[in-house]
Amino acid sequence: MSTDKKVDFSGVSASVDTTAQKVDQVDFSGVTSSVDTTAEKVGGTYTVQKGDSLSKIAKQELGDANAWKRIFEANRDVLDDPDKIQPGQTLKLPPKA
């Protein structure tokens, strides 16, 4: 039988809410943001006029007649043939390259 005294930890407790430094208030006064335009990023729409073709629309709206393929691809849900567009039809325009 040993007569050595042992340390009693039965009354010890501890808790930690977080190890991050606590911050009372965040200062966003130096944060700024601006958007000049979203038109070139998201494209737009175009209503087909009599005499229009996808290449004519591409030249007029995107600055490149060869971009007709991009207009056609953006409208595959409503166009089956790039040569069959109708006046009054609204087409989605892709963003300018």
PDB file of N, CA and C in Angstrom:
ATOM      1  N   MET A   1       0.823  -1.148   0.000  1.00  0.00           N
ATOM      2  CA  MET A   1       0.000   0.000   0.000  1.00  0.00           C
ATOM      3  C   MET A   1       0.885   1.234   0.000  1.00  0.00           C
ATOM      4  N   SER A   2       0.547   2.194  -0.879  1.00  0.00           N
ATOM      5  CA  SER A   2       1.359   3.381  -1.029  1.00  0.00           C
ATOM      6  C   SER A   2       0.757   4.524  -0.244  1.00  0.00           C
ATOM      7  N   THR A   3       1.594   5.356   0.322  1.00  0.00           N
ATOM      8  CA  THR A   3       1.125   6.507   1.084  1.00  0.00           C
ATOM      9  C   THR A   3       1.359   7.811   0.324  1.00  0.00           C
ATOM     10  N   ASP A   4       1.724   7.695  -0.982  1.00  0.00           N
ATOM     11  CA  ASP A   4       1.954   8.896  -1.799  1.00  0.00           C
ATOM     12  C   ASP A   4       0.639   9.610  -2.065  1.00  0.00           C
ATOM     13  N   LYS A   5       0.674  10.924  -1.974  1.00  0.00           N
ATOM     14  CA  LYS A   5      -0.517  11.713  -2.255  1.00  0.00           C
ATOM     15  C   LYS A   5      -0.618  11.923  -3.763  1.00  0.00           C
ATOM     16  N   LYS A   6      -1.840  11.851  -4.288  1.00  0.00           N
ATOM     17  CA  LYS A   6      -2.085  12.073  -5.718  1.00  0.00           C
ATOM     18  C   LYS A   6      -2.776  13.417  -5.898  1.00  0.00           C
ATOM     19  N   VAL A   7      -2.527  14.016  -7.034  1.00  0.00           N
ATOM     20  CA  VAL A   7      -3.134  15.308  -7.348  1.00  0.00           C
ATOM     21  C   VAL A   7      -4.588  15.072  -7.723  1.00  0.00           C
ATOM     22  N   ASP A   8      -5.470  15.911  -7.202  1.00  0.00           N
ATOM     23  CA  ASP A   8      -6.907  15.788  -7.463  1.00  0.00           C
ATOM     24  C   ASP A   8      -7.327  16.832  -8.501  1.00  0.00           C
ATOM     25  N   PHE A   9      -7.706  16.370  -9.705  1.00  0.00           N
ATOM     26  CA  PHE A   9      -8.164  17.257 -10.769  1.00  0.00           C
ATOM     27  C   PHE A   9      -9.683  17.239 -10.919  1.00  0.00           C
ATOM     28  N   SER A  10     -10.398  16.687 -10.025  1.00  0.00           N
ATOM     29  CA  SER A  10     -11.841  16.525 -10.152  1.00  0.00           C
ATOM     30  C   SER A  10     -12.606  17.848 -10.192  1.00  0.00           C
ATOM     31  N   GLY A  11     -12.082  18.916  -9.678  1.00  0.00           N
ATOM     32  CA  GLY A  11     -12.781  20.200  -9.670  1.00  0.00           C
ATOM     33  C   GLY A  11     -12.342  21.140 -10.786  1.00  0.00           C
ATOM     34  N   VAL A  12     -11.510  20.674 -11.714  1.00  0.00           N
ATOM     35  CA  VAL A  12     -10.981  21.534 -12.774  1.00  0.00           C
ATOM     36  C   VAL A  12     -11.896  21.473 -13.996  1.00  0.00           C
ATOM     37  N   SER A  13     -12.183  22.624 -14.542  1.00  0.00           N
ATOM     38  CA  SER A  13     -12.962  22.678 -15.792  1.00  0.00           C
ATOM     39  C   SER A  13     -12.391  23.773 -16.678  1.00  0.00           C
ATOM     40  N   ALA A  14     -12.642  23.656 -18.004  1.00  0.00           N
ATOM     41  CA  ALA A  14     -12.155  24.659 -18.958  1.00  0.00           C
ATOM     42  C   ALA A  14     -13.075  24.691 -20.166  1.00  0.00           C
ATOM     43  N   SER A  15     -13.098  25.818 -20.841  1.00  0.00           N
ATOM     44  CA  SER A  15     -13.859  25.928 -22.089  1.00  0.00           C
ATOM     45  C   SER A  15     -13.178  26.941 -22.990  1.00  0.00           C
ATOM     46  N   VAL A  16     -13.329  26.738 -24.314  1.00  0.00           N
ATOM     47  CA  VAL A  16     -12.781  27.650 -25.308  1.00  0.00           C
ATOM     48  C   VAL A  16     -13.881  27.934 -26.319  1.00  0.00           C
ATOM     49  N   ASP A  17     -14.273  29.203 -26.459  1.00  0.00           N
ATOM     50  CA  ASP A  17     -15.286  29.578 -27.439  1.00  0.00           C
ATOM     51  C   ASP A  17     -14.690  29.617 -28.843  1.00  0.00           C
ATOM     52  N   THR A  18     -13.517  30.207 -28.948  1.00  0.00           N
ATOM     53  CA  THR A  18     -12.861  30.338 -30.240  1.00  0.00           C
ATOM     54  C   THR A  18     -11.387  30.587 -30.021  1.00  0.00           C
ATOM     55  N   THR A  19     -10.616  30.239 -31.029  1.00  0.00           N
ATOM     56  CA  THR A  19      -9.190  30.553 -30.948  1.00  0.00           C
ATOM     57  C   THR A  19      -8.880  31.800 -31.764  1.00  0.00           C
ATOM     58  N   ALA A  20      -9.888  32.317 -32.480  1.00  0.00           N
ATOM     59  CA  ALA A  20      -9.691  33.526 -33.280  1.00  0.00           C
ATOM     60  C   ALA A  20      -9.734  34.751 -32.376  1.00  0.00           C
ATOM     61  N   GLN A  21      -9.040  35.771 -32.824  1.00  0.00           N
ATOM     62  CA  GLN A  21      -9.054  37.016 -32.068  1.00  0.00           C
ATOM     63  C   GLN A  21     -10.443  37.626 -32.173  1.00  0.00           C
ATOM     64  N   LYS A  22     -10.978  38.073 -31.076  1.00  0.00           N
ATOM     65  CA  LYS A  22     -12.314  38.660 -31.076  1.00  0.00           C
ATOM     66  C   LYS A  22     -12.258  40.080 -31.622  1.00  0.00           C
ATOM     67  N   VAL A  23     -13.238  40.403 -32.464  1.00  0.00           N
ATOM     68  CA  VAL A  23     -13.333  41.723 -33.069  1.00  0.00           C
ATOM     69  C   VAL A  23     -14.699  42.282 -32.727  1.00  0.00           C
ATOM     70  N   ASP A  24     -14.723  43.468 -32.156  1.00  0.00           N
ATOM     71  CA  ASP A  24     -15.994  44.080 -31.782  1.00  0.00           C
ATOM     72  C   ASP A  24     -16.727  44.649 -32.996  1.00  0.00           C
ATOM     73  N   GLN A  25     -15.988  45.254 -33.918  1.00  0.00           N
ATOM     74  CA  GLN A  25     -16.621  45.915 -35.043  1.00  0.00           C
ATOM     75  C   GLN A  25     -15.687  45.844 -36.249  1.00  0.00           C
ATOM     76  N   VAL A  26     -16.266  45.588 -37.424  1.00  0.00           N
ATOM     77  CA  VAL A  26     -15.482  45.538 -38.652  1.00  0.00           C
ATOM     78  C   VAL A  26     -15.673  46.856 -39.394  1.00  0.00           C
ATOM     79  N   ASP A  27     -14.576  47.432 -39.861  1.00  0.00           N
ATOM     80  CA  ASP A  27     -14.629  48.722 -40.551  1.00  0.00           C
ATOM     81  C   ASP A  27     -14.570  48.507 -42.060  1.00  0.00           C
ATOM     82  N   PHE A  28     -15.686  48.768 -42.752  1.00  0.00           N
ATOM     83  CA  PHE A  28     -15.751  48.652 -44.202  1.00  0.00           C
ATOM     84  C   PHE A  28     -15.705  50.022 -44.883  1.00  0.00           C
ATOM     85  N   SER A  29     -15.323  51.064 -44.174  1.00  0.00           N
ATOM     86  CA  SER A  29     -15.370  52.422 -44.717  1.00  0.00           C
ATOM     87  C   SER A  29     -14.439  52.614 -45.913  1.00  0.00           C
ATOM     88  N   GLY A  30     -13.396  51.831 -46.033  1.00  0.00           N
ATOM     89  CA  GLY A  30     -12.461  51.978 -47.149  1.00  0.00           C
ATOM     90  C   GLY A  30     -12.799  51.104 -48.351  1.00  0.00           C
ATOM     91  N   VAL A  31     -13.875  50.351 -48.284  1.00  0.00           N
ATOM     92  CA  VAL A  31     -14.240  49.444 -49.370  1.00  0.00           C
ATOM     93  C   VAL A  31     -15.100  50.181 -50.386  1.00  0.00           C
ATOM     94  N   THR A  32     -14.718  50.080 -51.672  1.00  0.00           N
ATOM     95  CA  THR A  32     -15.509  50.694 -52.734  1.00  0.00           C
ATOM     96  C   THR A  32     -15.686  49.694 -53.874  1.00  0.00           C
ATOM     97  N   SER A  33     -16.717  49.926 -54.682  1.00  0.00           N
ATOM     98  CA  SER A  33     -16.976  49.082 -55.832  1.00  0.00           C
ATOM     99  C   SER A  33     -17.735  49.905 -56.859  1.00  0.00           C
ATOM    100  N   SER A  34     -17.518  49.588 -58.136  1.00  0.00           N
ATOM    101  CA  SER A  34     -18.271  50.282 -59.174  1.00  0.00           C
ATOM    102  C   SER A  34     -18.407  49.400 -60.397  1.00  0.00           C
ATOM    103  N   VAL A  35     -19.478  49.611 -61.150  1.00  0.00           N
ATOM    104  CA  VAL A  35     -19.715  48.916 -62.407  1.00  0.00           C
ATOM    105  C   VAL A  35     -20.106  49.979 -63.420  1.00  0.00           C
ATOM    106  N   ASP A  36     -19.313  50.119 -64.479  1.00  0.00           N
ATOM    107  CA  ASP A  36     -19.639  51.102 -65.506  1.00  0.00           C
ATOM    108  C   ASP A  36     -20.808  50.621 -66.351  1.00  0.00           C
ATOM    109  N   THR A  37     -20.714  49.380 -66.827  1.00  0.00           N
ATOM    110  CA  THR A  37     -21.781  48.810 -67.646  1.00  0.00           C
ATOM    111  C   THR A  37     -21.662  47.296 -67.633  1.00  0.00           C
ATOM    112  N   THR A  38     -22.788  46.658 -67.754  1.00  0.00           N
ATOM    113  CA  THR A  38     -22.779  45.198 -67.886  1.00  0.00           C
ATOM    114  C   THR A  38     -23.151  44.792 -69.304  1.00  0.00           C
ATOM    115  N   ALA A  39     -23.475  45.748 -70.170  1.00  0.00           N
ATOM    116  CA  ALA A  39     -23.952  45.457 -71.515  1.00  0.00           C
ATOM    117  C   ALA A  39     -22.963  44.607 -72.309  1.00  0.00           C
ATOM    118  N   GLU A  40     -21.683  44.923 -72.239  1.00  0.00           N
ATOM    119  CA  GLU A  40     -20.705  44.165 -73.013  1.00  0.00           C
ATOM    120  C   GLU A  40     -20.424  42.800 -72.405  1.00  0.00           C
ATOM    121  N   LYS A  41     -20.783  42.602 -71.174  1.00  0.00           N
ATOM    122  CA  LYS A  41     -20.518  41.334 -70.511  1.00  0.00           C
ATOM    123  C   LYS A  41     -21.646  40.332 -70.690  1.00  0.00           C
ATOM    124  N   VAL A  42     -22.878  40.802 -70.677  1.00  0.00           N
ATOM    125  CA  VAL A  42     -24.011  39.885 -70.714  1.00  0.00           C
ATOM    126  C   VAL A  42     -24.746  39.865 -72.040  1.00  0.00           C
ATOM    127  N   GLY A  43     -24.378  40.722 -72.973  1.00  0.00           N
ATOM    128  CA  GLY A  43     -25.075  40.754 -74.252  1.00  0.00           C
ATOM    129  C   GLY A  43     -26.367  41.543 -74.127  1.00  0.00           C
ATOM    130  N   GLY A  44     -27.371  41.126 -74.855  1.00  0.00           N
ATOM    131  CA  GLY A  44     -28.652  41.814 -74.832  1.00  0.00           C
ATOM    132  C   GLY A  44     -29.613  41.068 -75.734  1.00  0.00           C
ATOM    133  N   THR A  45     -30.566  41.794 -76.273  1.00  0.00           N
ATOM    134  CA  THR A  45     -31.503  41.191 -77.211  1.00  0.00           C
ATOM    135  C   THR A  45     -31.617  42.063 -78.447  1.00  0.00           C
ATOM    136  N   TYR A  46     -32.110  41.475 -79.507  1.00  0.00           N
ATOM    137  CA  TYR A  46     -32.311  42.188 -80.769  1.00  0.00           C
ATOM    138  C   TYR A  46     -33.594  41.673 -81.400  1.00  0.00           C
ATOM    139  N   THR A  47     -34.441  42.585 -81.873  1.00  0.00           N
ATOM    140  CA  THR A  47     -35.662  42.209 -82.574  1.00  0.00           C
ATOM    141  C   THR A  47     -35.391  42.242 -84.070  1.00  0.00           C
ATOM    142  N   VAL A  48     -35.578  41.116 -84.714  1.00  0.00           N
ATOM    143  CA  VAL A  48     -35.290  40.958 -86.139  1.00  0.00           C
ATOM    144  C   VAL A  48     -36.194  41.875 -86.960  1.00  0.00           C
ATOM    145  N   GLN A  49     -35.569  42.581 -87.910  1.00  0.00           N
ATOM    146  CA  GLN A  49     -36.283  43.467 -88.837  1.00  0.00           C
ATOM    147  C   GLN A  49     -36.316  42.823 -90.225  1.00  0.00           C
ATOM    148  N   LYS A  50     -37.239  43.268 -91.063  1.00  0.00           N
ATOM    149  CA  LYS A  50     -37.324  42.779 -92.434  1.00  0.00           C
ATOM    150  C   LYS A  50     -35.991  43.040 -93.139  1.00  0.00           C
ATOM    151  N   GLY A  51     -35.458  42.046 -93.812  1.00  0.00           N
ATOM    152  CA  GLY A  51     -34.195  42.180 -94.537  1.00  0.00           C
ATOM    153  C   GLY A  51     -32.969  41.829 -93.707  1.00  0.00           C
ATOM    154  N   ASP A  52     -33.145  41.515 -92.428  1.00  0.00           N
ATOM    155  CA  ASP A  52     -32.017  41.153 -91.567  1.00  0.00           C
ATOM    156  C   ASP A  52     -31.511  39.749 -91.871  1.00  0.00           C
ATOM    157  N   SER A  53     -30.253  39.550 -91.605  1.00  0.00           N
ATOM    158  CA  SER A  53     -29.624  38.230 -91.593  1.00  0.00           C
ATOM    159  C   SER A  53     -28.768  38.189 -90.336  1.00  0.00           C
ATOM    160  N   LEU A  54     -28.375  36.995 -89.941  1.00  0.00           N
ATOM    161  CA  LEU A  54     -27.540  36.908 -88.735  1.00  0.00           C
ATOM    162  C   LEU A  54     -26.220  37.646 -88.928  1.00  0.00           C
ATOM    163  N   SER A  55     -25.646  37.592 -90.127  1.00  0.00           N
ATOM    164  CA  SER A  55     -24.375  38.296 -90.347  1.00  0.00           C
ATOM    165  C   SER A  55     -24.576  39.814 -90.314  1.00  0.00           C
ATOM    166  N   LYS A  56     -25.710  40.294 -90.828  1.00  0.00           N
ATOM    167  CA  LYS A  56     -25.995  41.735 -90.775  1.00  0.00           C
ATOM    168  C   LYS A  56     -26.167  42.187 -89.328  1.00  0.00           C
ATOM    169  N   ILE A  57     -26.903  41.383 -88.553  1.00  0.00           N
ATOM    170  CA  ILE A  57     -27.107  41.700 -87.133  1.00  0.00           C
ATOM    171  C   ILE A  57     -25.769  41.663 -86.394  1.00  0.00           C
ATOM    172  N   ALA A  58     -24.943  40.655 -86.697  1.00  0.00           N
ATOM    173  CA  ALA A  58     -23.637  40.525 -86.048  1.00  0.00           C
ATOM    174  C   ALA A  58     -22.756  41.728 -86.341  1.00  0.00           C
ATOM    175  N   LYS A  59     -22.747  42.183 -87.599  1.00  0.00           N
ATOM    176  CA  LYS A  59     -21.943  43.350 -87.972  1.00  0.00           C
ATOM    177  C   LYS A  59     -22.433  44.590 -87.232  1.00  0.00           C
ATOM    178  N   GLN A  60     -23.757  44.768 -87.215  1.00  0.00           N
ATOM    179  CA  GLN A  60     -24.363  45.965 -86.605  1.00  0.00           C
ATOM    180  C   GLN A  60     -24.228  45.964 -85.087  1.00  0.00           C
ATOM    181  N   GLU A  61     -24.479  44.828 -84.456  1.00  0.00           N
ATOM    182  CA  GLU A  61     -24.539  44.778 -82.992  1.00  0.00           C
ATOM    183  C   GLU A  61     -23.229  44.371 -82.326  1.00  0.00           C
ATOM    184  N   LEU A  62     -22.435  43.531 -83.008  1.00  0.00           N
ATOM    185  CA  LEU A  62     -21.199  43.029 -82.398  1.00  0.00           C
ATOM    186  C   LEU A  62     -19.942  43.547 -83.086  1.00  0.00           C
ATOM    187  N   GLY A  63     -20.119  44.225 -84.240  1.00  0.00           N
ATOM    188  CA  GLY A  63     -18.974  44.805 -84.930  1.00  0.00           C
ATOM    189  C   GLY A  63     -18.211  43.833 -85.801  1.00  0.00           C
ATOM    190  N   ASP A  64     -18.756  42.621 -86.012  1.00  0.00           N
ATOM    191  CA  ASP A  64     -18.073  41.609 -86.806  1.00  0.00           C
ATOM    192  C   ASP A  64     -19.106  40.696 -87.448  1.00  0.00           C
ATOM    193  N   ALA A  65     -19.219  40.763 -88.777  1.00  0.00           N
ATOM    194  CA  ALA A  65     -20.207  39.945 -89.485  1.00  0.00           C
ATOM    195  C   ALA A  65     -19.982  38.454 -89.262  1.00  0.00           C
ATOM    196  N   ASN A  66     -18.742  38.059 -89.037  1.00  0.00           N
ATOM    197  CA  ASN A  66     -18.434  36.641 -88.808  1.00  0.00           C
ATOM    198  C   ASN A  66     -18.916  36.135 -87.457  1.00  0.00           C
ATOM    199  N   ALA A  67     -19.378  37.031 -86.616  1.00  0.00           N
ATOM    200  CA  ALA A  67     -19.887  36.637 -85.296  1.00  0.00           C
ATOM    201  C   ALA A  67     -21.320  36.098 -85.385  1.00  0.00           C
ATOM    202  N   TRP A  68     -21.854  35.933 -86.605  1.00  0.00           N
ATOM    203  CA  TRP A  68     -23.206  35.394 -86.770  1.00  0.00           C
ATOM    204  C   TRP A  68     -23.320  34.022 -86.123  1.00  0.00           C
ATOM    205  N   LYS A  69     -22.235  33.248 -86.146  1.00  0.00           N
ATOM    206  CA  LYS A  69     -22.257  31.901 -85.547  1.00  0.00           C
ATOM    207  C   LYS A  69     -22.490  31.983 -84.041  1.00  0.00           C
ATOM    208  N   ARG A  70     -21.931  32.998 -83.403  1.00  0.00           N
ATOM    209  CA  ARG A  70     -22.132  33.176 -81.959  1.00  0.00           C
ATOM    210  C   ARG A  70     -23.587  33.521 -81.653  1.00  0.00           C
ATOM    211  N   ILE A  71     -24.201  34.345 -82.511  1.00  0.00           N
ATOM    212  CA  ILE A  71     -25.621  34.666 -82.332  1.00  0.00           C
ATOM    213  C   ILE A  71     -26.458  33.405 -82.527  1.00  0.00           C
ATOM    214  N   PHE A  72     -26.131  32.635 -83.567  1.00  0.00           N
ATOM    215  CA  PHE A  72     -26.863  31.395 -83.828  1.00  0.00           C
ATOM    216  C   PHE A  72     -26.754  30.440 -82.635  1.00  0.00           C
ATOM    217  N   GLU A  73     -25.558  30.259 -82.098  1.00  0.00           N
ATOM    218  CA  GLU A  73     -25.357  29.360 -80.948  1.00  0.00           C
ATOM    219  C   GLU A  73     -26.110  29.848 -79.715  1.00  0.00           C
ATOM    220  N   ALA A  74     -26.174  31.155 -79.526  1.00  0.00           N
ATOM    221  CA  ALA A  74     -26.882  31.720 -78.367  1.00  0.00           C
ATOM    222  C   ALA A  74     -28.397  31.531 -78.478  1.00  0.00           C
ATOM    223  N   ASN A  75     -28.874  31.204 -79.694  1.00  0.00           N
ATOM    224  CA  ASN A  75     -30.311  31.090 -79.936  1.00  0.00           C
ATOM    225  C   ASN A  75     -30.720  29.715 -80.447  1.00  0.00           C
ATOM    226  N   ARG A  76     -29.912  28.707 -80.170  1.00  0.00           N
ATOM    227  CA  ARG A  76     -30.233  27.346 -80.629  1.00  0.00           C
ATOM    228  C   ARG A  76     -31.574  26.861 -80.096  1.00  0.00           C
ATOM    229  N   ASP A  77     -32.042  27.435 -78.997  1.00  0.00           N
ATOM    230  CA  ASP A  77     -33.330  27.030 -78.439  1.00  0.00           C
ATOM    231  C   ASP A  77     -34.502  27.520 -79.290  1.00  0.00           C
ATOM    232  N   VAL A  78     -34.297  28.537 -80.139  1.00  0.00           N
ATOM    233  CA  VAL A  78     -35.376  29.048 -80.991  1.00  0.00           C
ATOM    234  C   VAL A  78     -35.059  28.989 -82.479  1.00  0.00           C
ATOM    235  N   LEU A  79     -33.801  28.719 -82.834  1.00  0.00           N
ATOM    236  CA  LEU A  79     -33.414  28.645 -84.247  1.00  0.00           C
ATOM    237  C   LEU A  79     -32.886  27.253 -84.595  1.00  0.00           C
ATOM    238  N   ASP A  80     -33.422  26.698 -85.682  1.00  0.00           N
ATOM    239  CA  ASP A  80     -32.903  25.427 -86.204  1.00  0.00           C
ATOM    240  C   ASP A  80     -31.991  25.659 -87.400  1.00  0.00           C
ATOM    241  N   ASP A  81     -32.224  26.769 -88.094  1.00  0.00           N
ATOM    242  CA  ASP A  81     -31.497  27.083 -89.318  1.00  0.00           C
ATOM    243  C   ASP A  81     -31.095  28.559 -89.265  1.00  0.00           C
ATOM    244  N   PRO A  82     -29.802  28.871 -89.417  1.00  0.00           N
ATOM    245  CA  PRO A  82     -29.377  30.276 -89.326  1.00  0.00           C
ATOM    246  C   PRO A  82     -29.934  31.151 -90.450  1.00  0.00           C
ATOM    247  N   ASP A  83     -30.413  30.539 -91.516  1.00  0.00           N
ATOM    248  CA  ASP A  83     -30.967  31.309 -92.633  1.00  0.00           C
ATOM    249  C   ASP A  83     -32.464  31.544 -92.497  1.00  0.00           C
ATOM    250  N   LYS A  84     -33.074  31.052 -91.432  1.00  0.00           N
ATOM    251  CA  LYS A  84     -34.524  31.179 -91.269  1.00  0.00           C
ATOM    252  C   LYS A  84     -34.875  31.959 -90.009  1.00  0.00           C
ATOM    253  N   ILE A  85     -34.584  33.258 -90.061  1.00  0.00           N
ATOM    254  CA  ILE A  85     -35.022  34.145 -88.983  1.00  0.00           C
ATOM    255  C   ILE A  85     -36.202  34.940 -89.506  1.00  0.00           C
ATOM    256  N   GLN A  86     -37.096  35.351 -88.617  1.00  0.00           N
ATOM    257  CA  GLN A  86     -38.331  36.023 -89.007  1.00  0.00           C
ATOM    258  C   GLN A  86     -38.408  37.418 -88.392  1.00  0.00           C
ATOM    259  N   PRO A  87     -38.917  38.408 -89.159  1.00  0.00           N
ATOM    260  CA  PRO A  87     -39.136  39.740 -88.585  1.00  0.00           C
ATOM    261  C   PRO A  87     -40.026  39.649 -87.346  1.00  0.00           C
ATOM    262  N   GLY A  88     -39.647  40.394 -86.319  1.00  0.00           N
ATOM    263  CA  GLY A  88     -40.387  40.381 -85.060  1.00  0.00           C
ATOM    264  C   GLY A  88     -39.832  39.398 -84.045  1.00  0.00           C
ATOM    265  N   GLN A  89     -39.015  38.484 -84.507  1.00  0.00           N
ATOM    266  CA  GLN A  89     -38.408  37.492 -83.621  1.00  0.00           C
ATOM    267  C   GLN A  89     -37.370  38.185 -82.735  1.00  0.00           C
ATOM    268  N   THR A  90     -37.356  37.854 -81.454  1.00  0.00           N
ATOM    269  CA  THR A  90     -36.380  38.422 -80.529  1.00  0.00           C
ATOM    270  C   THR A  90     -35.247  37.421 -80.332  1.00  0.00           C
ATOM    271  N   LEU A  91     -34.045  37.876 -80.594  1.00  0.00           N
ATOM    272  CA  LEU A  91     -32.856  37.023 -80.463  1.00  0.00           C
ATOM    273  C   LEU A  91     -31.987  37.511 -79.315  1.00  0.00           C
ATOM    274  N   LYS A  92     -31.362  36.564 -78.625  1.00  0.00           N
ATOM    275  CA  LYS A  92     -30.394  36.894 -77.577  1.00  0.00           C
ATOM    276  C   LYS A  92     -29.061  37.205 -78.272  1.00  0.00           C
ATOM    277  N   LEU A  93     -28.419  38.249 -77.830  1.00  0.00           N
ATOM    278  CA  LEU A  93     -27.097  38.582 -78.357  1.00  0.00           C
ATOM    279  C   LEU A  93     -26.036  38.136 -77.367  1.00  0.00           C
ATOM    280  N   PRO A  94     -24.985  37.503 -77.854  1.00  0.00           N
ATOM    281  CA  PRO A  94     -23.884  37.131 -76.951  1.00  0.00           C
ATOM    282  C   PRO A  94     -23.103  38.381 -76.569  1.00  0.00           C
ATOM    283  N   PRO A  95     -22.287  38.291 -75.530  1.00  0.00           N
ATOM    284  CA  PRO A  95     -21.449  39.447 -75.156  1.00  0.00           C
ATOM    285  C   PRO A  95     -20.472  39.780 -76.283  1.00  0.00           C
ATOM    286  N   LYS A  96     -20.108  41.047 -76.396  1.00  0.00           N
ATOM    287  CA  LYS A  96     -19.103  41.443 -77.382  1.00  0.00           C
ATOM    288  C   LYS A  96     -17.777  40.810 -77.001  1.00  0.00           C
ATOM    289  N   ALA A  97     -17.057  40.355 -78.001  1.00  0.00           N
ATOM    290  CA  ALA A  97     -15.768  39.687 -77.743  1.00  0.00           C
ATOM    291  C   ALA A  97     -14.706  40.675 -77.349  1.00  0.00           C
TER     292      ALA A  97
END
